[in-house]
Amino acid sequence: MHYFLIYKPYQVLSQFTTLDHKLCLKDILNVPKDVYPVGRLDYDSEGLLLLTNDKSMNHALLHPSFEHARTYWVQVDGQISEAAIHQLSKGVTISVDGKPYLTKKATLQLLPQDIQVPDRNPPIRFRKNIPTSWVSIQLTEGKNRQVRKMFASVGFPVLRLIRAQLGDFTIDQMQPEDCITLTLEQVQKGILR
């Protein structure tokens, strides 16, 4: 079995087949043909993604009953308020498959404005008179575009979204396109525990 942890860059599909001439994982990685991503990150999101050919990982990592923690660093438009952070931590109602859905409780923390993250290409738009904020949010669920929908629901659109931590693994010391080979034991201890 093979296990890889990658830092998926911005504007790369979380799949090995191209779609609408967009970059995909095969354009940035050289891994065995039977390896696939466990879960996904949107085309316009970046950060940690586990790849494997171990079919048991999908259920173990993605089934909601296991509540595996995922931490995202989110840059939002505007100076986020304590009220918005409190509201997000309690859960907000978003649309999932066209139906209202109340998100589970989340852990949020305001991050320093000078947080060290890799440059994004292309960079986010800069507006001199409108500040941005960085927030860490830890979730134990992963609905489609959930983080973006959550922040939009409290009036703070997402400018940049990075999955910064998956279990015990973080993007520290990693750059977009970096790939780390893991053992089953490392996956079991660092992500599945």
N, C-alpha and C. Protein backbone atom coordinates (compact mmCIF):
# COMPACT_ATOMS: atom_id res chain seq x y z
N MET A 1 0.84 -1.19 0.00
CA MET A 1 0.00 0.00 0.00
C MET A 1 0.88 1.24 0.00
N HIS A 2 0.36 2.29 -0.64
CA HIS A 2 1.07 3.57 -0.71
C HIS A 2 0.26 4.65 -0.01
N TYR A 3 0.98 5.56 0.68
CA TYR A 3 0.36 6.68 1.38
C TYR A 3 1.20 7.92 1.12
N PHE A 4 0.56 8.97 0.64
CA PHE A 4 1.25 10.22 0.35
C PHE A 4 0.45 11.38 0.94
N LEU A 5 1.16 12.34 1.50
CA LEU A 5 0.53 13.56 1.97
C LEU A 5 1.08 14.68 1.10
N ILE A 6 0.20 15.39 0.42
CA ILE A 6 0.65 16.46 -0.47
C ILE A 6 0.09 17.80 -0.01
N TYR A 7 0.78 18.85 -0.44
CA TYR A 7 0.27 20.21 -0.30
C TYR A 7 -0.30 20.54 -1.67
N LYS A 8 -1.63 20.40 -1.80
CA LYS A 8 -2.28 20.68 -3.08
C LYS A 8 -2.26 22.19 -3.33
N PRO A 9 -1.73 22.59 -4.47
CA PRO A 9 -1.71 24.03 -4.77
C PRO A 9 -3.10 24.56 -5.15
N TYR A 10 -3.20 25.86 -5.10
CA TYR A 10 -4.37 26.59 -5.58
C TYR A 10 -4.54 26.30 -7.08
N GLN A 11 -5.77 26.19 -7.51
CA GLN A 11 -6.14 25.96 -8.91
C GLN A 11 -5.57 24.67 -9.49
N VAL A 12 -5.66 23.61 -8.68
CA VAL A 12 -5.36 22.25 -9.13
C VAL A 12 -6.53 21.38 -8.67
N LEU A 13 -7.08 20.59 -9.59
CA LEU A 13 -8.19 19.69 -9.25
C LEU A 13 -7.70 18.56 -8.35
N SER A 14 -8.53 18.14 -7.41
CA SER A 14 -8.21 17.02 -6.51
C SER A 14 -8.55 15.69 -7.17
N GLN A 15 -8.04 15.48 -8.36
CA GLN A 15 -8.28 14.25 -9.11
C GLN A 15 -7.16 14.10 -10.13
N PHE A 16 -7.09 12.92 -10.73
CA PHE A 16 -6.01 12.65 -11.68
C PHE A 16 -6.43 12.79 -13.13
N THR A 17 -7.65 13.19 -13.37
CA THR A 17 -8.10 13.43 -14.74
C THR A 17 -8.43 14.90 -14.91
N THR A 18 -8.03 15.44 -16.03
CA THR A 18 -8.25 16.86 -16.27
C THR A 18 -9.71 17.13 -16.63
N LEU A 19 -10.14 18.34 -16.38
CA LEU A 19 -11.51 18.75 -16.66
C LEU A 19 -11.45 20.21 -17.11
N ASP A 20 -12.02 20.50 -18.24
CA ASP A 20 -12.05 21.87 -18.77
C ASP A 20 -10.65 22.49 -18.84
N HIS A 21 -9.65 21.69 -19.18
CA HIS A 21 -8.27 22.16 -19.36
C HIS A 21 -7.64 22.71 -18.08
N LYS A 22 -8.18 22.31 -16.92
CA LYS A 22 -7.60 22.74 -15.64
C LYS A 22 -6.50 21.78 -15.23
N LEU A 23 -5.53 22.29 -14.46
CA LEU A 23 -4.49 21.42 -13.91
C LEU A 23 -5.12 20.41 -12.96
N CYS A 24 -4.54 19.21 -12.91
CA CYS A 24 -5.00 18.20 -11.97
C CYS A 24 -3.78 17.56 -11.31
N LEU A 25 -4.00 16.62 -10.41
CA LEU A 25 -2.91 16.02 -9.64
C LEU A 25 -1.84 15.37 -10.52
N LYS A 26 -2.23 14.77 -11.64
CA LYS A 26 -1.23 14.12 -12.50
C LYS A 26 -0.25 15.12 -13.10
N ASP A 27 -0.64 16.40 -13.13
CA ASP A 27 0.25 17.44 -13.66
C ASP A 27 1.33 17.85 -12.67
N ILE A 28 1.16 17.52 -11.39
CA ILE A 28 2.14 17.95 -10.39
C ILE A 28 2.78 16.79 -9.62
N LEU A 29 2.23 15.57 -9.78
CA LEU A 29 2.71 14.42 -9.01
C LEU A 29 3.05 13.24 -9.89
N ASN A 30 3.98 12.45 -9.42
CA ASN A 30 4.29 11.19 -10.07
C ASN A 30 4.13 10.08 -9.02
N VAL A 31 2.94 9.51 -8.96
CA VAL A 31 2.64 8.45 -7.99
C VAL A 31 2.09 7.24 -8.75
N PRO A 32 2.07 6.07 -8.12
CA PRO A 32 1.51 4.89 -8.81
C PRO A 32 0.10 5.14 -9.32
N LYS A 33 -0.25 4.47 -10.41
CA LYS A 33 -1.52 4.72 -11.10
C LYS A 33 -2.76 4.39 -10.26
N ASP A 34 -2.65 3.48 -9.27
CA ASP A 34 -3.83 3.11 -8.49
C ASP A 34 -4.04 3.98 -7.26
N VAL A 35 -3.25 5.03 -7.10
CA VAL A 35 -3.37 5.95 -5.96
C VAL A 35 -4.43 7.01 -6.27
N TYR A 36 -5.22 7.37 -5.27
CA TYR A 36 -6.27 8.36 -5.45
C TYR A 36 -6.37 9.21 -4.18
N PRO A 37 -6.99 10.40 -4.27
CA PRO A 37 -7.15 11.25 -3.08
C PRO A 37 -8.26 10.73 -2.16
N VAL A 38 -8.03 10.83 -0.87
CA VAL A 38 -9.06 10.51 0.12
C VAL A 38 -9.70 11.84 0.48
N GLY A 39 -10.93 12.03 0.07
CA GLY A 39 -11.58 13.33 0.23
C GLY A 39 -11.12 14.25 -0.89
N ARG A 40 -11.37 15.52 -0.69
CA ARG A 40 -11.00 16.46 -1.74
C ARG A 40 -10.83 17.85 -1.17
N LEU A 41 -10.17 18.66 -1.94
CA LEU A 41 -10.11 20.10 -1.71
C LEU A 41 -10.59 20.74 -3.00
N ASP A 42 -11.37 21.79 -2.88
CA ASP A 42 -11.86 22.47 -4.07
C ASP A 42 -10.72 23.01 -4.92
N TYR A 43 -10.99 23.22 -6.17
CA TYR A 43 -10.03 23.77 -7.13
C TYR A 43 -9.41 25.07 -6.60
N ASP A 44 -10.24 25.90 -5.96
CA ASP A 44 -9.76 27.20 -5.47
C ASP A 44 -9.31 27.17 -4.01
N SER A 45 -9.12 25.97 -3.45
CA SER A 45 -8.57 25.82 -2.11
C SER A 45 -7.22 25.14 -2.22
N GLU A 46 -6.46 25.18 -1.16
CA GLU A 46 -5.12 24.59 -1.17
C GLU A 46 -4.86 23.92 0.17
N GLY A 47 -3.78 23.14 0.24
CA GLY A 47 -3.39 22.54 1.51
C GLY A 47 -3.30 21.03 1.48
N LEU A 48 -3.36 20.43 2.66
CA LEU A 48 -3.08 19.01 2.83
C LEU A 48 -4.16 18.11 2.24
N LEU A 49 -3.68 17.08 1.55
CA LEU A 49 -4.55 16.09 0.95
C LEU A 49 -3.84 14.75 1.03
N LEU A 50 -4.53 13.73 1.54
CA LEU A 50 -3.97 12.38 1.63
C LEU A 50 -4.30 11.61 0.36
N LEU A 51 -3.28 10.94 -0.18
CA LEU A 51 -3.46 10.10 -1.37
C LEU A 51 -3.04 8.68 -1.00
N THR A 52 -3.78 7.68 -1.47
CA THR A 52 -3.46 6.29 -1.15
C THR A 52 -4.11 5.35 -2.15
N ASN A 53 -3.69 4.09 -2.11
CA ASN A 53 -4.39 3.03 -2.83
C ASN A 53 -5.03 2.06 -1.84
N ASP A 54 -5.06 2.46 -0.57
CA ASP A 54 -5.67 1.67 0.50
C ASP A 54 -7.16 2.02 0.57
N LYS A 55 -7.99 1.16 0.02
CA LYS A 55 -9.42 1.45 -0.09
C LYS A 55 -10.12 1.60 1.26
N SER A 56 -9.56 1.05 2.33
CA SER A 56 -10.18 1.18 3.65
C SER A 56 -10.08 2.61 4.20
N MET A 57 -9.20 3.42 3.64
CA MET A 57 -9.00 4.79 4.14
C MET A 57 -10.20 5.68 3.89
N ASN A 58 -10.88 5.51 2.78
CA ASN A 58 -12.04 6.36 2.49
C ASN A 58 -13.05 6.31 3.63
N HIS A 59 -13.43 5.11 4.04
CA HIS A 59 -14.41 4.98 5.11
C HIS A 59 -13.83 5.49 6.43
N ALA A 60 -12.60 5.09 6.73
CA ALA A 60 -11.99 5.44 8.02
C ALA A 60 -11.80 6.95 8.18
N LEU A 61 -11.55 7.66 7.10
CA LEU A 61 -11.30 9.10 7.21
C LEU A 61 -12.51 9.97 6.89
N LEU A 62 -13.41 9.48 6.08
CA LEU A 62 -14.48 10.35 5.61
C LEU A 62 -15.84 10.11 6.26
N HIS A 63 -16.05 8.96 6.87
CA HIS A 63 -17.37 8.71 7.47
C HIS A 63 -17.58 9.66 8.65
N PRO A 64 -18.71 10.37 8.70
CA PRO A 64 -18.94 11.36 9.74
C PRO A 64 -18.85 10.82 11.17
N SER A 65 -19.12 9.54 11.37
CA SER A 65 -19.11 9.00 12.74
C SER A 65 -17.72 9.03 13.37
N PHE A 66 -16.65 9.10 12.56
CA PHE A 66 -15.30 9.11 13.12
C PHE A 66 -14.83 10.50 13.52
N GLU A 67 -15.48 11.55 13.01
CA GLU A 67 -15.21 12.93 13.39
C GLU A 67 -13.72 13.28 13.40
N HIS A 68 -13.02 13.01 12.31
CA HIS A 68 -11.61 13.37 12.22
C HIS A 68 -11.47 14.88 12.06
N ALA A 69 -10.59 15.46 12.85
CA ALA A 69 -10.39 16.91 12.83
C ALA A 69 -9.60 17.35 11.61
N ARG A 70 -10.05 18.45 11.03
CA ARG A 70 -9.35 19.11 9.92
C ARG A 70 -9.29 20.59 10.28
N THR A 71 -8.12 21.17 10.17
CA THR A 71 -7.96 22.58 10.50
C THR A 71 -7.65 23.37 9.23
N TYR A 72 -8.38 24.46 9.06
CA TYR A 72 -8.21 25.33 7.90
C TYR A 72 -7.78 26.72 8.37
N TRP A 73 -6.91 27.33 7.59
CA TRP A 73 -6.59 28.74 7.78
C TRP A 73 -7.35 29.49 6.71
N VAL A 74 -8.13 30.46 7.15
CA VAL A 74 -9.05 31.16 6.27
C VAL A 74 -8.74 32.65 6.28
N GLN A 75 -8.49 33.21 5.11
CA GLN A 75 -8.33 34.65 5.00
C GLN A 75 -9.64 35.20 4.48
N VAL A 76 -10.22 36.13 5.23
CA VAL A 76 -11.53 36.67 4.87
C VAL A 76 -11.43 38.15 4.54
N ASP A 77 -12.42 38.61 3.81
CA ASP A 77 -12.55 40.01 3.43
C ASP A 77 -13.10 40.78 4.62
N GLY A 78 -12.34 41.73 5.14
CA GLY A 78 -12.79 42.54 6.27
C GLY A 78 -12.19 42.09 7.59
N GLN A 79 -12.36 42.92 8.60
CA GLN A 79 -11.88 42.60 9.95
C GLN A 79 -12.97 41.80 10.65
N ILE A 80 -12.75 40.51 10.80
CA ILE A 80 -13.81 39.65 11.36
C ILE A 80 -14.09 40.02 12.81
N SER A 81 -15.35 39.95 13.18
CA SER A 81 -15.78 40.34 14.53
C SER A 81 -15.80 39.15 15.47
N GLU A 82 -15.72 39.45 16.77
CA GLU A 82 -15.84 38.40 17.78
C GLU A 82 -17.22 37.75 17.70
N ALA A 83 -18.23 38.54 17.37
CA ALA A 83 -19.59 37.99 17.25
C ALA A 83 -19.66 36.95 16.14
N ALA A 84 -19.00 37.22 15.01
CA ALA A 84 -19.00 36.26 13.90
C ALA A 84 -18.26 35.00 14.30
N ILE A 85 -17.12 35.14 14.98
CA ILE A 85 -16.36 33.98 15.43
C ILE A 85 -17.19 33.15 16.40
N HIS A 86 -17.88 33.81 17.32
CA HIS A 86 -18.73 33.10 18.29
C HIS A 86 -19.86 32.36 17.57
N GLN A 87 -20.49 33.03 16.62
CA GLN A 87 -21.58 32.41 15.86
C GLN A 87 -21.10 31.18 15.10
N LEU A 88 -19.95 31.30 14.43
CA LEU A 88 -19.40 30.17 13.68
C LEU A 88 -19.06 29.00 14.60
N SER A 89 -18.56 29.29 15.78
CA SER A 89 -18.17 28.22 16.70
C SER A 89 -19.37 27.42 17.20
N LYS A 90 -20.53 28.07 17.30
CA LYS A 90 -21.74 27.38 17.74
C LYS A 90 -22.40 26.57 16.64
N GLY A 91 -22.11 26.95 15.38
CA GLY A 91 -22.76 26.32 14.23
C GLY A 91 -23.66 27.31 13.54
N VAL A 92 -23.66 27.27 12.22
CA VAL A 92 -24.50 28.16 11.42
C VAL A 92 -25.26 27.32 10.40
N THR A 93 -26.32 27.89 9.89
CA THR A 93 -27.11 27.18 8.88
C THR A 93 -26.59 27.54 7.49
N ILE A 94 -26.25 26.50 6.73
CA ILE A 94 -25.80 26.66 5.35
C ILE A 94 -26.69 25.79 4.47
N SER A 95 -26.54 25.92 3.18
CA SER A 95 -27.30 25.09 2.25
C SER A 95 -26.43 23.91 1.81
N VAL A 96 -26.96 22.70 1.97
CA VAL A 96 -26.28 21.49 1.50
C VAL A 96 -27.28 20.72 0.64
N ASP A 97 -26.94 20.53 -0.62
CA ASP A 97 -27.83 19.87 -1.58
C ASP A 97 -29.19 20.55 -1.63
N GLY A 98 -29.18 21.89 -1.52
CA GLY A 98 -30.42 22.66 -1.62
C GLY A 98 -31.27 22.66 -0.37
N LYS A 99 -30.79 22.08 0.72
CA LYS A 99 -31.55 22.03 1.97
C LYS A 99 -30.78 22.71 3.09
N PRO A 100 -31.48 23.32 4.06
CA PRO A 100 -30.78 23.95 5.18
C PRO A 100 -30.06 22.89 6.02
N TYR A 101 -28.85 23.22 6.45
CA TYR A 101 -28.06 22.31 7.26
C TYR A 101 -27.36 23.12 8.36
N LEU A 102 -27.53 22.68 9.62
CA LEU A 102 -26.86 23.32 10.75
C LEU A 102 -25.52 22.64 10.96
N THR A 103 -24.45 23.41 10.80
CA THR A 103 -23.11 22.84 10.96
C THR A 103 -22.86 22.48 12.42
N LYS A 104 -21.96 21.51 12.62
CA LYS A 104 -21.58 21.14 13.98
C LYS A 104 -20.73 22.24 14.59
N LYS A 105 -20.56 22.16 15.90
CA LYS A 105 -19.69 23.13 16.58
C LYS A 105 -18.30 23.06 15.99
N ALA A 106 -17.64 24.20 15.96
CA ALA A 106 -16.29 24.29 15.41
C ALA A 106 -15.41 25.06 16.41
N THR A 107 -14.11 24.87 16.28
CA THR A 107 -13.17 25.59 17.13
C THR A 107 -12.50 26.65 16.25
N LEU A 108 -12.63 27.91 16.66
CA LEU A 108 -12.06 29.01 15.88
C LEU A 108 -11.07 29.81 16.71
N GLN A 109 -10.11 30.39 16.01
CA GLN A 109 -9.11 31.23 16.66
C GLN A 109 -8.64 32.27 15.65
N LEU A 110 -8.57 33.52 16.10
CA LEU A 110 -8.03 34.58 15.26
C LEU A 110 -6.53 34.37 15.13
N LEU A 111 -6.01 34.42 13.91
CA LEU A 111 -4.59 34.22 13.66
C LEU A 111 -3.91 35.58 13.47
N PRO A 112 -2.59 35.63 13.69
CA PRO A 112 -1.88 36.90 13.48
C PRO A 112 -1.97 37.34 12.01
N GLN A 113 -2.01 38.63 11.81
CA GLN A 113 -2.11 39.17 10.45
C GLN A 113 -0.89 38.82 9.60
N ASP A 114 0.25 38.61 10.27
CA ASP A 114 1.48 38.31 9.54
C ASP A 114 1.79 36.81 9.50
N ILE A 115 0.75 36.00 9.52
CA ILE A 115 0.92 34.53 9.48
C ILE A 115 1.78 34.16 8.26
N GLN A 116 2.67 33.21 8.46
CA GLN A 116 3.58 32.80 7.39
C GLN A 116 2.93 31.68 6.56
N VAL A 117 2.55 32.02 5.34
CA VAL A 117 1.98 31.04 4.41
C VAL A 117 2.69 31.22 3.08
N PRO A 118 2.78 30.15 2.29
CA PRO A 118 3.40 30.28 0.97
C PRO A 118 2.65 31.29 0.10
N ASP A 119 3.37 31.98 -0.74
CA ASP A 119 2.72 32.88 -1.69
C ASP A 119 1.77 32.08 -2.57
N ARG A 120 0.69 32.72 -2.94
CA ARG A 120 -0.26 32.08 -3.85
C ARG A 120 -0.11 32.70 -5.23
N ASN A 121 -0.20 31.85 -6.24
CA ASN A 121 -0.11 32.34 -7.60
C ASN A 121 -1.38 31.98 -8.36
N PRO A 122 -2.20 32.94 -8.77
CA PRO A 122 -2.02 34.37 -8.57
C PRO A 122 -2.39 34.77 -7.14
N PRO A 123 -1.84 35.91 -6.66
CA PRO A 123 -2.15 36.35 -5.30
C PRO A 123 -3.60 36.82 -5.19
N ILE A 124 -4.09 36.91 -3.95
CA ILE A 124 -5.44 37.44 -3.75
C ILE A 124 -5.45 38.91 -4.12
N ARG A 125 -6.62 39.43 -4.41
CA ARG A 125 -6.70 40.85 -4.77
C ARG A 125 -6.39 41.69 -3.53
N PHE A 126 -5.71 42.78 -3.73
CA PHE A 126 -5.36 43.68 -2.64
C PHE A 126 -6.20 44.93 -2.77
N ARG A 127 -6.87 45.29 -1.68
CA ARG A 127 -7.65 46.53 -1.67
C ARG A 127 -7.17 47.36 -0.48
N LYS A 128 -6.61 48.50 -0.78
CA LYS A 128 -5.94 49.34 0.21
C LYS A 128 -6.84 49.71 1.39
N ASN A 129 -8.10 49.98 1.14
CA ASN A 129 -9.00 50.48 2.18
C ASN A 129 -9.83 49.41 2.87
N ILE A 130 -9.64 48.14 2.48
CA ILE A 130 -10.42 47.06 3.11
C ILE A 130 -9.44 46.05 3.70
N PRO A 131 -9.45 45.90 5.03
CA PRO A 131 -8.52 44.95 5.66
C PRO A 131 -8.95 43.50 5.41
N THR A 132 -8.05 42.61 5.72
CA THR A 132 -8.39 41.18 5.70
C THR A 132 -8.05 40.61 7.07
N SER A 133 -8.60 39.44 7.38
CA SER A 133 -8.33 38.76 8.64
C SER A 133 -8.01 37.30 8.35
N TRP A 134 -7.17 36.71 9.19
CA TRP A 134 -6.87 35.29 9.12
C TRP A 134 -7.49 34.61 10.35
N VAL A 135 -8.20 33.50 10.10
CA VAL A 135 -8.86 32.76 11.16
C VAL A 135 -8.56 31.28 10.99
N SER A 136 -8.31 30.60 12.10
CA SER A 136 -8.17 29.14 12.09
C SER A 136 -9.52 28.55 12.48
N ILE A 137 -9.98 27.56 11.71
CA ILE A 137 -11.23 26.87 12.05
C ILE A 137 -10.98 25.37 11.98
N GLN A 138 -11.36 24.68 13.04
CA GLN A 138 -11.22 23.22 13.08
C GLN A 138 -12.61 22.60 13.01
N LEU A 139 -12.78 21.73 12.02
CA LEU A 139 -14.06 21.05 11.79
C LEU A 139 -13.88 19.55 11.94
N THR A 140 -14.98 18.86 12.22
CA THR A 140 -14.97 17.40 12.24
C THR A 140 -15.94 16.86 11.20
N GLU A 141 -16.31 17.70 10.26
CA GLU A 141 -17.19 17.30 9.16
C GLU A 141 -16.72 18.02 7.92
N GLY A 142 -17.17 17.58 6.76
CA GLY A 142 -16.69 18.19 5.53
C GLY A 142 -17.73 18.20 4.43
N LYS A 143 -18.71 19.06 4.56
CA LYS A 143 -19.71 19.21 3.50
C LYS A 143 -19.10 20.00 2.34
N ASN A 144 -19.70 19.89 1.17
CA ASN A 144 -19.19 20.57 -0.02
C ASN A 144 -19.13 22.09 0.21
N ARG A 145 -17.93 22.65 0.07
CA ARG A 145 -17.66 24.09 0.21
C ARG A 145 -18.14 24.63 1.56
N GLN A 146 -18.08 23.79 2.58
CA GLN A 146 -18.62 24.15 3.89
C GLN A 146 -17.98 25.39 4.49
N VAL A 147 -16.66 25.45 4.51
CA VAL A 147 -15.99 26.59 5.15
C VAL A 147 -16.38 27.89 4.47
N ARG A 148 -16.37 27.90 3.15
CA ARG A 148 -16.74 29.11 2.42
C ARG A 148 -18.19 29.51 2.73
N LYS A 149 -19.08 28.54 2.76
CA LYS A 149 -20.49 28.84 3.05
C LYS A 149 -20.66 29.34 4.48
N MET A 150 -19.91 28.76 5.42
CA MET A 150 -20.02 29.18 6.81
C MET A 150 -19.62 30.65 6.98
N PHE A 151 -18.46 31.01 6.43
CA PHE A 151 -17.99 32.38 6.59
C PHE A 151 -18.89 33.36 5.84
N ALA A 152 -19.39 32.98 4.67
CA ALA A 152 -20.31 33.85 3.93
C ALA A 152 -21.59 34.09 4.73
N SER A 153 -22.03 33.06 5.47
CA SER A 153 -23.28 33.20 6.23
C SER A 153 -23.19 34.24 7.34
N VAL A 154 -21.96 34.58 7.78
CA VAL A 154 -21.80 35.61 8.82
C VAL A 154 -21.22 36.90 8.23
N GLY A 155 -21.21 37.00 6.89
CA GLY A 155 -20.84 38.24 6.23
C GLY A 155 -19.37 38.46 5.97
N PHE A 156 -18.58 37.39 5.96
CA PHE A 156 -17.14 37.53 5.70
C PHE A 156 -16.72 36.56 4.59
N PRO A 157 -16.77 37.00 3.35
CA PRO A 157 -16.40 36.14 2.23
C PRO A 157 -14.95 35.68 2.33
N VAL A 158 -14.71 34.45 1.91
CA VAL A 158 -13.38 33.85 1.95
C VAL A 158 -12.56 34.31 0.74
N LEU A 159 -11.34 34.79 1.03
CA LEU A 159 -10.41 35.17 -0.03
C LEU A 159 -9.41 34.05 -0.31
N ARG A 160 -9.00 33.35 0.75
CA ARG A 160 -8.02 32.28 0.61
C ARG A 160 -8.34 31.21 1.65
N LEU A 161 -8.25 29.94 1.23
CA LEU A 161 -8.58 28.82 2.11
C LEU A 161 -7.50 27.76 2.01
N ILE A 162 -6.87 27.46 3.16
CA ILE A 162 -5.78 26.50 3.21
C ILE A 162 -6.10 25.43 4.26
N ARG A 163 -6.11 24.15 3.86
CA ARG A 163 -6.21 23.08 4.86
C ARG A 163 -4.81 22.96 5.46
N ALA A 164 -4.66 23.45 6.68
CA ALA A 164 -3.35 23.56 7.32
C ALA A 164 -2.99 22.35 8.16
N GLN A 165 -3.99 21.58 8.58
CA GLN A 165 -3.70 20.42 9.43
C GLN A 165 -4.71 19.32 9.17
N LEU A 166 -4.19 18.09 9.13
CA LEU A 166 -4.99 16.89 8.96
C LEU A 166 -4.49 15.92 10.02
N GLY A 167 -5.27 15.74 11.09
CA GLY A 167 -4.78 14.96 12.22
C GLY A 167 -3.59 15.68 12.84
N ASP A 168 -2.48 14.98 12.99
CA ASP A 168 -1.26 15.58 13.54
C ASP A 168 -0.36 16.21 12.48
N PHE A 169 -0.68 16.02 11.21
CA PHE A 169 0.17 16.53 10.14
C PHE A 169 -0.21 17.97 9.80
N THR A 170 0.82 18.81 9.60
CA THR A 170 0.58 20.22 9.29
C THR A 170 1.36 20.62 8.03
N ILE A 171 1.05 21.81 7.53
CA ILE A 171 1.77 22.32 6.37
C ILE A 171 3.09 22.98 6.75
N ASP A 172 3.43 22.99 8.04
CA ASP A 172 4.72 23.55 8.46
C ASP A 172 5.83 22.91 7.63
N GLN A 173 6.74 23.72 7.16
CA GLN A 173 7.88 23.25 6.36
C GLN A 173 7.48 22.75 4.97
N MET A 174 6.24 22.92 4.56
CA MET A 174 5.81 22.46 3.23
C MET A 174 5.50 23.64 2.33
N GLN A 175 5.63 23.39 1.05
CA GLN A 175 5.28 24.36 0.01
C GLN A 175 4.29 23.69 -0.94
N PRO A 176 3.51 24.47 -1.70
CA PRO A 176 2.63 23.87 -2.69
C PRO A 176 3.39 22.91 -3.59
N GLU A 177 2.79 21.77 -3.86
CA GLU A 177 3.30 20.65 -4.67
C GLU A 177 4.20 19.71 -3.89
N ASP A 178 4.59 20.05 -2.66
CA ASP A 178 5.39 19.12 -1.86
C ASP A 178 4.60 17.85 -1.60
N CYS A 179 5.31 16.73 -1.61
CA CYS A 179 4.70 15.41 -1.39
C CYS A 179 5.57 14.64 -0.42
N ILE A 180 4.96 14.10 0.64
CA ILE A 180 5.66 13.32 1.65
C ILE A 180 5.13 11.89 1.60
N THR A 181 6.01 10.92 1.57
CA THR A 181 5.61 9.52 1.63
C THR A 181 5.44 9.12 3.09
N LEU A 182 4.32 8.49 3.40
CA LEU A 182 4.03 8.05 4.77
C LEU A 182 3.92 6.53 4.80
N THR A 183 4.08 5.97 6.00
CA THR A 183 3.83 4.55 6.22
C THR A 183 2.41 4.40 6.77
N LEU A 184 1.89 3.17 6.73
CA LEU A 184 0.58 2.91 7.32
C LEU A 184 0.59 3.28 8.80
N GLU A 185 1.67 2.96 9.48
CA GLU A 185 1.77 3.28 10.91
C GLU A 185 1.69 4.80 11.14
N GLN A 186 2.36 5.58 10.31
CA GLN A 186 2.29 7.03 10.45
C GLN A 186 0.87 7.55 10.21
N VAL A 187 0.17 6.99 9.23
CA VAL A 187 -1.21 7.38 8.96
C VAL A 187 -2.10 7.01 10.13
N GLN A 188 -1.93 5.79 10.66
CA GLN A 188 -2.74 5.34 11.79
C GLN A 188 -2.52 6.20 13.02
N LYS A 189 -1.26 6.54 13.31
CA LYS A 189 -0.95 7.35 14.49
C LYS A 189 -1.28 8.83 14.29
N GLY A 190 -1.01 9.34 13.08
CA GLY A 190 -1.13 10.77 12.86
C GLY A 190 -2.48 11.26 12.39
N ILE A 191 -3.26 10.38 11.76
CA ILE A 191 -4.54 10.82 11.22
C ILE A 191 -5.71 10.02 11.78
N LEU A 192 -5.57 8.70 11.85
CA LEU A 192 -6.71 7.85 12.23
C LEU A 192 -6.96 7.76 13.73
N ARG A 193 -5.98 8.08 14.53
CA ARG A 193 -6.05 7.84 15.98
C ARG A 193 -7.36 8.13 16.58
